[in-house]
C-alpha atoms as a PDB file:
ATOM      1  CA  UNK A   1      84.703 100.913  84.937  1.00  0.00           C
ATOM      2  CA  UNK A   2      84.178 101.325  88.840  1.00  0.00           C
ATOM      3  CA  UNK A   3      80.513 100.961  88.264  1.00  0.00           C
ATOM      4  CA  UNK A   4      80.791  97.568  86.787  1.00  0.00           C
ATOM      5  CA  UNK A   5      83.245  96.519  89.595  1.00  0.00           C
ATOM      6  CA  UNK A   6      80.976  97.795  92.391  1.00  0.00           C
ATOM      7  CA  UNK A   7      78.003  96.059  90.794  1.00  0.00           C
ATOM      8  CA  UNK A   8      79.888  92.865  90.276  1.00  0.00           C
ATOM      9  CA  UNK A   9      81.422  92.992  93.969  1.00  0.00           C
ATOM     10  CA  UNK A  10      77.856  93.748  95.265  1.00  0.00           C
ATOM     11  CA  UNK A  11      76.246  90.912  93.223  1.00  0.00           C
ATOM     12  CA  UNK A  12      78.609  88.555  95.107  1.00  0.00           C
ATOM     13  CA  UNK A  13      77.331  89.427  98.443  1.00  0.00           C
ATOM     14  CA  UNK A  14      73.878  90.226  97.630  1.00  0.00           C
ATOM     15  CA  UNK A  15      72.362  86.744  98.614  1.00  0.00           C
ATOM     16  CA  UNK A  16      74.660  85.499 101.450  1.00  0.00           C
ATOM     17  CA  UNK A  17      74.075  86.182 105.115  1.00  0.00           C
ATOM     18  CA  UNK A  18      76.172  86.039 108.264  1.00  0.00           C
ATOM     19  CA  UNK A  19      73.863  83.293 109.904  1.00  0.00           C
ATOM     20  CA  UNK A  20      71.823  80.460 108.642  1.00  0.00           C
ATOM     21  CA  UNK A  21      68.978  82.147 109.944  1.00  0.00           C
ATOM     22  CA  UNK A  22      67.648  85.713 109.884  1.00  0.00           C
ATOM     23  CA  UNK A  23      69.934  87.595 112.166  1.00  0.00           C
ATOM     24  CA  UNK A  24      67.582  90.494 112.257  1.00  0.00           C
ATOM     25  CA  UNK A  25      65.174  88.633 114.573  1.00  0.00           C
ATOM     26  CA  UNK A  26      67.803  88.524 117.302  1.00  0.00           C
ATOM     27  CA  UNK A  27      67.615  92.318 117.649  1.00  0.00           C
ATOM     28  CA  UNK A  28      64.732  93.604 115.937  1.00  0.00           C
ATOM     29  CA  UNK A  29      66.813  94.424 112.809  1.00  0.00           C
ATOM     30  CA  UNK A  30      68.560  97.243 114.692  1.00  0.00           C
ATOM     31  CA  UNK A  31      71.037  97.960 111.621  1.00  0.00           C
ATOM     32  CA  UNK A  32      68.068  98.601 109.520  1.00  0.00           C
ATOM     33  CA  UNK A  33      65.894 100.883 111.660  1.00  0.00           C
ATOM     34  CA  UNK A  34      66.565 104.145 109.631  1.00  0.00           C
ATOM     35  CA  UNK A  35      67.538 105.673 113.019  1.00  0.00           C
ATOM     36  CA  UNK A  36      69.575 108.595 111.335  1.00  0.00           C
ATOM     37  CA  UNK A  37      72.732 106.579 111.612  1.00  0.00           C
ATOM     38  CA  UNK A  38      74.336 105.747 108.172  1.00  0.00           C
ATOM     39  CA  UNK A  39      76.588 103.473 106.340  1.00  0.00           C
ATOM     40  CA  UNK A  40      79.910 104.701 104.399  1.00  0.00           C
ATOM     41  CA  UNK A  41      79.631 104.408 100.729  1.00  0.00           C
ATOM     42  CA  UNK A  42      82.276 103.246  98.468  1.00  0.00           C
ATOM     43  CA  UNK A  43      83.969 105.877  96.172  1.00  0.00           C
ATOM     44  CA  UNK A  44      81.441 105.936  93.339  1.00  0.00           C
ATOM     45  CA  UNK A  45      78.820 103.859  94.695  1.00  0.00           C
ATOM     46  CA  UNK A  46      76.085 106.351  94.812  1.00  0.00           C
ATOM     47  CA  UNK A  47      76.502 106.989  90.895  1.00  0.00           C
ATOM     48  CA  UNK A  48      76.844 103.234  90.369  1.00  0.00           C
ATOM     49  CA  UNK A  49      73.766 102.221  92.312  1.00  0.00           C
ATOM     50  CA  UNK A  50      71.416 105.058  92.614  1.00  0.00           C
ATOM     51  CA  UNK A  51      69.889 104.358  96.036  1.00  0.00           C
ATOM     52  CA  UNK A  52      67.921 107.564  96.527  1.00  0.00           C
ATOM     53  CA  UNK A  53      64.622 105.994  96.531  1.00  0.00           C
ATOM     54  CA  UNK A  54      65.086 104.584  99.925  1.00  0.00           C
ATOM     55  CA  UNK A  55      67.248 106.936 101.661  1.00  0.00           C
ATOM     56  CA  UNK A  56      69.770 110.113 101.392  1.00  0.00           C
ATOM     57  CA  UNK A  57      73.245 110.243 100.977  1.00  0.00           C
ATOM     58  CA  UNK A  58      75.242 113.225 102.942  1.00  0.00           C
ATOM     59  CA  UNK A  59      79.052 113.337 102.515  1.00  0.00           C
ATOM     60  CA  UNK A  60      79.515 109.758 101.244  1.00  0.00           C
ATOM     61  CA  UNK A  61      77.157 108.333 104.132  1.00  0.00           C
ATOM     62  CA  UNK A  62      74.104 106.445 103.101  1.00  0.00           C
ATOM     63  CA  UNK A  63      71.081 107.151 105.545  1.00  0.00           C
ATOM     64  CA  UNK A  64      68.346 104.769 105.125  1.00  0.00           C
ATOM     65  CA  UNK A  65      64.664 105.026 106.085  1.00  0.00           C
ATOM     66  CA  UNK A  66      64.228 101.779 107.598  1.00  0.00           C
ATOM     67  CA  UNK A  67      63.337  99.532 104.519  1.00  0.00           C
ATOM     68  CA  UNK A  68      65.084  98.848 101.242  1.00  0.00           C
ATOM     69  CA  UNK A  69      65.267  96.519  98.258  1.00  0.00           C
ATOM     70  CA  UNK A  70      68.009  94.476  99.774  1.00  0.00           C
ATOM     71  CA  UNK A  71      69.746  94.026  96.479  1.00  0.00           C
ATOM     72  CA  UNK A  72      70.032  98.044  96.083  1.00  0.00           C
ATOM     73  CA  UNK A  73      71.357  98.463  99.589  1.00  0.00           C
ATOM     74  CA  UNK A  74      74.855  99.817 100.027  1.00  0.00           C
ATOM     75  CA  UNK A  75      77.803  97.332  99.913  1.00  0.00           C
ATOM     76  CA  UNK A  76      78.711  98.194 103.645  1.00  0.00           C
ATOM     77  CA  UNK A  77      75.164  97.005 104.652  1.00  0.00           C
ATOM     78  CA  UNK A  78      75.542  93.820 102.325  1.00  0.00           C
ATOM     79  CA  UNK A  79      78.688  92.864 104.322  1.00  0.00           C
ATOM     80  CA  UNK A  80      77.605  94.060 107.988  1.00  0.00           C
ATOM     81  CA  UNK A  81      78.787  93.148 110.442  1.00  0.00           C
ATOM     82  CA  UNK A  82      82.175  92.382 108.804  1.00  0.00           C
ATOM     83  CA  UNK A  83      84.953  94.401 107.109  1.00  0.00           C
ATOM     84  CA  UNK A  84      87.391  93.543 104.415  1.00  0.00           C
ATOM     85  CA  UNK A  85      90.974  94.126 105.473  1.00  0.00           C
ATOM     86  CA  UNK A  86      93.277  94.528 102.299  1.00  0.00           C
ATOM     87  CA  UNK A  87      96.922  94.219 102.644  1.00  0.00           C
ATOM     88  CA  UNK A  88      99.652  94.680  99.922  1.00  0.00           C
ATOM     89  CA  UNK A  89     102.687  92.769 100.716  1.00  0.00           C
ATOM     90  CA  UNK A  90     105.702  92.223  98.433  1.00  0.00           C
ATOM     91  CA  UNK A  91     103.565  93.339  95.587  1.00  0.00           C
ATOM     92  CA  UNK A  92     100.882  90.670  96.475  1.00  0.00           C
ATOM     93  CA  UNK A  93      97.450  91.403  97.714  1.00  0.00           C
ATOM     94  CA  UNK A  94      96.104  89.728 100.955  1.00  0.00           C
ATOM     95  CA  UNK A  95      92.322  89.974 101.815  1.00  0.00           C
ATOM     96  CA  UNK A  96      90.905  89.034 105.031  1.00  0.00           C
ATOM     97  CA  UNK A  97      87.217  89.527 106.367  1.00  0.00           C
ATOM     98  CA  UNK A  98      86.923  90.440 109.888  1.00  0.00           C
ATOM     99  CA  UNK A  99      84.442  91.025 112.358  1.00  0.00           C
ATOM    100  CA  UNK A 100      83.667  94.865 112.335  1.00  0.00           C
ATOM    101  CA  UNK A 101      84.525  96.148 115.967  1.00  0.00           C
ATOM    102  CA  UNK A 102      82.530  99.139 115.099  1.00  0.00           C
ATOM    103  CA  UNK A 103      79.418  96.982 114.765  1.00  0.00           C
ATOM    104  CA  UNK A 104      79.476  95.828 118.375  1.00  0.00           C
ATOM    105  CA  UNK A 105      77.232  98.470 119.873  1.00  0.00           C
ATOM    106  CA  UNK A 106      74.563  97.585 117.087  1.00  0.00           C
ATOM    107  CA  UNK A 107      74.988  94.155 116.274  1.00  0.00           C
ATOM    108  CA  UNK A 108      74.437  91.133 118.686  1.00  0.00           C
ATOM    109  CA  UNK A 109      76.277  88.822 116.238  1.00  0.00           C
ATOM    110  CA  UNK A 110      79.476  91.342 115.607  1.00  0.00           C
ATOM    111  CA  UNK A 111      81.545  89.256 117.840  1.00  0.00           C
ATOM    112  CA  UNK A 112      80.079  85.823 116.963  1.00  0.00           C
ATOM    113  CA  UNK A 113      81.692  83.203 114.538  1.00  0.00           C
ATOM    114  CA  UNK A 114      79.836  84.123 111.367  1.00  0.00           C
ATOM    115  CA  UNK A 115      79.223  81.495 108.538  1.00  0.00           C
ATOM    116  CA  UNK A 116      82.550  80.866 106.711  1.00  0.00           C
ATOM    117  CA  UNK A 117      80.580  81.065 103.382  1.00  0.00           C
ATOM    118  CA  UNK A 118      79.568  84.729 104.424  1.00  0.00           C
ATOM    119  CA  UNK A 119      83.349  85.456 105.104  1.00  0.00           C
ATOM    120  CA  UNK A 120      84.446  83.997 101.930  1.00  0.00           C
ATOM    121  CA  UNK A 121      81.940  86.128  99.949  1.00  0.00           C
ATOM    122  CA  UNK A 122      83.166  89.203 101.718  1.00  0.00           C
ATOM    123  CA  UNK A 123      86.826  88.344 100.696  1.00  0.00           C
ATOM    124  CA  UNK A 124      85.973  87.433  97.194  1.00  0.00           C
ATOM    125  CA  UNK A 125      83.885  90.718  96.652  1.00  0.00           C
ATOM    126  CA  UNK A 126      86.638  92.790  98.027  1.00  0.00           C
ATOM    127  CA  UNK A 127      89.076  91.081  95.546  1.00  0.00           C
ATOM    128  CA  UNK A 128      86.931  92.406  92.774  1.00  0.00           C
ATOM    129  CA  UNK A 129      86.668  95.811  94.391  1.00  0.00           C
ATOM    130  CA  UNK A 130      90.699  95.784  94.255  1.00  0.00           C
ATOM    131  CA  UNK A 131      90.538  95.571  90.588  1.00  0.00           C
ATOM    132  CA  UNK A 132      90.169  99.216  90.685  1.00  0.00           C
ATOM    133  CA  UNK A 133      93.122 101.102  91.872  1.00  0.00           C
ATOM    134  CA  UNK A 134      90.868 103.800  93.347  1.00  0.00           C
ATOM    135  CA  UNK A 135      88.892 101.103  95.139  1.00  0.00           C
ATOM    136  CA  UNK A 136      91.791  99.265  96.356  1.00  0.00           C
ATOM    137  CA  UNK A 137      93.463 102.539  97.642  1.00  0.00           C
ATOM    138  CA  UNK A 138      90.200 103.176  99.513  1.00  0.00           C
ATOM    139  CA  UNK A 139      89.999  99.697 101.005  1.00  0.00           C
ATOM    140  CA  UNK A 140      93.733  99.871 102.093  1.00  0.00           C
ATOM    141  CA  UNK A 141      92.976 103.319 103.858  1.00  0.00           C
ATOM    142  CA  UNK A 142      89.786 101.807 105.499  1.00  0.00           C
ATOM    143  CA  UNK A 143      92.108  98.862 106.637  1.00  0.00           C
ATOM    144  CA  UNK A 144      94.446 101.115 108.340  1.00  0.00           C
ATOM    145  CA  UNK A 145      91.641 102.883 110.069  1.00  0.00           C
ATOM    146  CA  UNK A 146      90.237  99.657 111.383  1.00  0.00           C
ATOM    147  CA  UNK A 147      93.645  98.484 112.511  1.00  0.00           C
ATOM    148  CA  UNK A 148      94.020 101.610 114.548  1.00  0.00           C
ATOM    149  CA  UNK A 149      90.495 101.143 116.210  1.00  0.00           C
ATOM    150  CA  UNK A 150      91.339  97.713 117.080  1.00  0.00           C
ATOM    151  CA  UNK A 151      94.625  98.745 118.438  1.00  0.00           C
ATOM    152  CA  UNK A 152      92.739 101.122 120.611  1.00  0.00           C
ATOM    153  CA  UNK A 153      90.104  98.975 121.707  1.00  0.00           C
ATOM    154  CA  UNK A 154      92.755  96.308 122.827  1.00  0.00           C
ATOM    155  CA  UNK A 155      94.372  98.997 124.725  1.00  0.00           C
ATOM    156  CA  UNK A 156      91.310 100.102 126.411  1.00  0.00           C
ATOM    157  CA  UNK A 157      90.268  96.636 127.414  1.00  0.00           C
END
């Protein structure tokens, strides 16, 4: 079941972009250089998507070689530089899409206003992921981590 959910969520963000133009031209595609840094995979994403042809997976982190079939790249790459935030309040699910503070050192648009259609696609795809209890739990944990990073960043600035 998670395989279908992951593939459906990825299909929702596979063709949307954060800007109306190729954002990689602004920075030389720093997020896709294959520099040894990686992107965290969703639980079950490796099994669901088989990304071994253009990178390696170590401890749930995908490290690319610098080029890929964009439709096969990890979900985290597809939504970069945004992050879905998942909140459960009074038995209801609320999902937001935020610019990911962790992207700032790499991505020149990480603090920019991104296309509303991109943010909407990130929210919709996260809602699909939340159909799986395990993925909803994972996204909730990642939301808590992100909020802690944001709080620390606010204290330091």
